[in-house]
Protein backbone atom coordinates (compact mmCIF):
# COMPACT_ATOMS: atom_id res chain seq x y z
CA MET A 1 193.31 10.97 -77.96
CA LYS A 2 193.00 11.91 -81.90
CA ARG A 3 191.43 15.11 -80.87
CA TYR A 4 194.52 16.42 -78.99
CA ARG A 5 197.17 15.05 -81.24
CA PHE A 6 198.55 18.43 -81.66
CA LEU A 7 199.55 18.59 -78.05
CA GLU A 8 202.94 17.37 -76.85
CA LYS A 9 203.53 14.96 -74.01
CA ASP A 10 204.52 17.68 -71.47
CA ASP A 11 201.10 19.52 -72.17
CA ILE A 12 199.06 16.72 -71.55
CA TYR A 13 200.67 15.57 -68.42
CA SER A 14 200.39 19.13 -67.20
CA ALA A 15 196.80 19.22 -67.87
CA LEU A 16 196.03 15.92 -66.35
CA ASN A 17 198.23 16.89 -63.31
CA ARG A 18 196.06 20.14 -62.95
CA VAL A 19 192.83 17.65 -62.76
CA ARG A 20 194.34 15.54 -59.97
CA ASP A 21 195.62 18.62 -58.00
CA SER A 22 192.01 20.00 -58.14
CA PHE A 23 190.33 16.96 -57.06
CA LEU A 24 192.86 16.53 -54.10
CA ALA A 25 192.39 20.18 -52.98
CA ALA A 26 188.99 19.10 -51.57
CA LYS A 27 188.77 18.56 -47.73
CA ASN A 28 185.28 17.39 -47.70
CA GLY A 29 182.32 16.56 -49.84
CA THR A 30 181.22 20.13 -49.86
CA GLU A 31 184.40 21.19 -51.34
CA VAL A 32 184.29 18.24 -53.93
CA ASP A 33 180.85 19.44 -54.97
CA GLU A 34 182.16 22.98 -55.71
CA ILE A 35 185.18 21.78 -57.55
CA ILE A 36 182.95 19.39 -59.50
CA SER A 37 180.52 22.07 -60.37
CA GLY A 38 183.15 24.53 -61.41
CA LEU A 39 184.99 22.17 -63.68
CA LEU A 40 182.40 19.81 -65.36
CA THR A 41 179.11 20.22 -67.10
CA GLN A 42 176.19 18.44 -66.14
CA ASP A 43 176.59 16.06 -68.89
CA GLU A 44 180.19 15.17 -67.91
CA LYS A 45 179.03 14.62 -64.35
CA LEU A 46 176.42 12.35 -65.48
CA LYS A 47 178.63 10.23 -67.81
CA ILE A 48 181.14 9.76 -65.01
CA GLY A 49 178.51 8.75 -62.56
CA ARG A 50 177.04 6.32 -64.88
CA ARG A 51 180.27 4.84 -65.77
CA ILE A 52 180.78 4.14 -62.08
CA LEU A 53 177.29 2.79 -61.79
CA ILE A 54 178.04 0.42 -64.84
CA ALA A 55 181.58 -0.58 -63.15
CA GLU A 56 179.57 -1.50 -59.79
CA CYS A 57 177.11 -3.59 -61.82
CA LEU A 58 179.95 -5.39 -63.70
CA GLU A 59 181.65 -6.04 -60.18
CA ASP A 60 178.38 -7.50 -59.05
CA GLY A 61 178.62 -10.08 -61.84
CA MET A 62 175.69 -8.57 -63.93
CA ARG A 63 175.50 -9.63 -67.50
CA PHE A 64 175.67 -6.90 -70.32
CA GLU A 65 172.13 -7.37 -71.12
CA GLU A 66 170.83 -6.79 -67.62
CA ILE A 67 172.90 -3.65 -67.21
CA SER A 68 171.82 -2.43 -70.61
CA LYS A 69 168.04 -2.72 -69.51
CA ILE A 70 168.52 -1.41 -66.07
CA LEU A 71 170.86 1.58 -66.70
CA LYS A 72 169.66 2.20 -70.24
CA VAL A 73 172.93 2.15 -71.83
CA GLY A 74 174.47 0.77 -74.84
CA LYS A 75 176.55 -2.26 -74.95
CA THR A 76 179.51 -0.40 -76.37
CA THR A 77 179.49 1.80 -73.29
CA ILE A 78 179.34 -1.27 -71.19
CA LEU A 79 182.14 -2.71 -73.06
CA SER A 80 184.29 0.52 -72.67
CA VAL A 81 183.92 0.47 -69.00
CA ALA A 82 184.76 -3.20 -68.98
CA ARG A 83 187.88 -2.40 -70.85
CA SER A 84 188.73 0.50 -68.31
CA ILE A 85 188.40 -2.00 -65.51
CA ASP A 86 190.66 -4.40 -67.09
CA GLN A 87 193.12 -1.66 -67.85
CA ASN A 88 192.87 0.03 -64.55
CA PRO A 89 191.43 -2.36 -62.03
CA ASN A 90 192.64 -0.44 -58.86
CA ALA A 91 190.85 2.89 -60.01
CA PHE A 92 187.37 1.33 -59.67
CA LYS A 93 188.52 -0.43 -56.28
CA LEU A 94 189.62 2.81 -54.76
CA ILE A 95 186.31 4.37 -55.70
CA MET A 96 184.23 1.29 -54.03
CA LYS A 97 186.60 1.26 -50.95
CA ARG A 98 185.93 5.00 -50.40
CA LYS A 99 182.11 4.59 -51.05
CA VAL A 100 182.05 1.88 -48.21
CA LYS A 101 183.95 3.98 -45.82
CA VAL A 102 181.94 7.05 -46.35
CA GLU A 103 178.55 5.11 -46.03
CA LYS A 104 180.11 3.20 -42.81
CA GLU A 105 180.72 6.63 -41.15
CA TYR A 106 177.57 8.26 -42.39
CA GLN A 107 175.60 5.58 -40.87
CA ALA A 108 177.38 5.80 -37.58
CA LYS A 109 176.95 9.47 -37.13
CA ARG A 110 173.40 9.83 -38.63
CA TYR A 111 171.66 9.26 -35.53
CA LYS A 112 172.53 9.83 -31.79
CA LYS A 113 170.88 8.17 -28.96
CA ILE A 114 168.95 10.23 -26.70
CA GLY A 115 167.85 9.17 -22.97
CA GLY A 116 169.06 8.73 -19.48
CA SER A 117 171.77 6.37 -18.35
CA THR A 118 168.97 4.00 -16.77
CA LEU A 119 166.97 4.01 -19.94
CA ILE A 120 167.23 0.67 -21.78
CA PHE A 121 165.80 1.53 -25.22
CA LYS A 122 167.10 5.13 -26.00
CA ARG A 123 165.51 7.39 -28.48
CA LYS A 124 167.16 7.87 -31.72
CA GLU A 125 167.56 11.50 -32.96
CA TYR A 126 168.57 12.66 -36.42
CA THR A 127 171.86 14.87 -36.41
CA GLY A 128 171.42 16.35 -39.73
CA ILE A 129 174.75 15.22 -41.09
CA LYS A 130 174.96 14.38 -44.86
CA ARG A 131 177.23 12.25 -46.68
CA LYS A 132 178.99 15.45 -48.03
CA ASP A 133 179.84 16.28 -44.55
CA ILE A 134 182.04 13.26 -43.97
CA GLU A 135 185.91 14.32 -44.08
CA ARG A 136 188.28 12.91 -46.49
């Protein structure tokens, strides 16, 4: 926070509250995409996404060297994410929990079975739903 040492605590909390309120304003993935695109640059979006990928790898028990090779990130970045996990373990658990919930709902709604009631093997038809269509 050296860059923002001129700000008072109230200013910092006010800014962080605005970020939280912005992300909570979304009802579904489409609105999340709009909010993220309006607030973050492409670089910031990639940095956040890659941190989450690193956290997933660490949770899977991968070693720093493996993560570094696969994701092409430095060991200091991995160490930084590992420290963040240690300091805020619930944050990444909430992200993973939500990911599992969305994926489960998406898989359930992705296809619908078509065919008469006497047909044993019904034909599956894609419904056109996307992950971002899943409600919060």
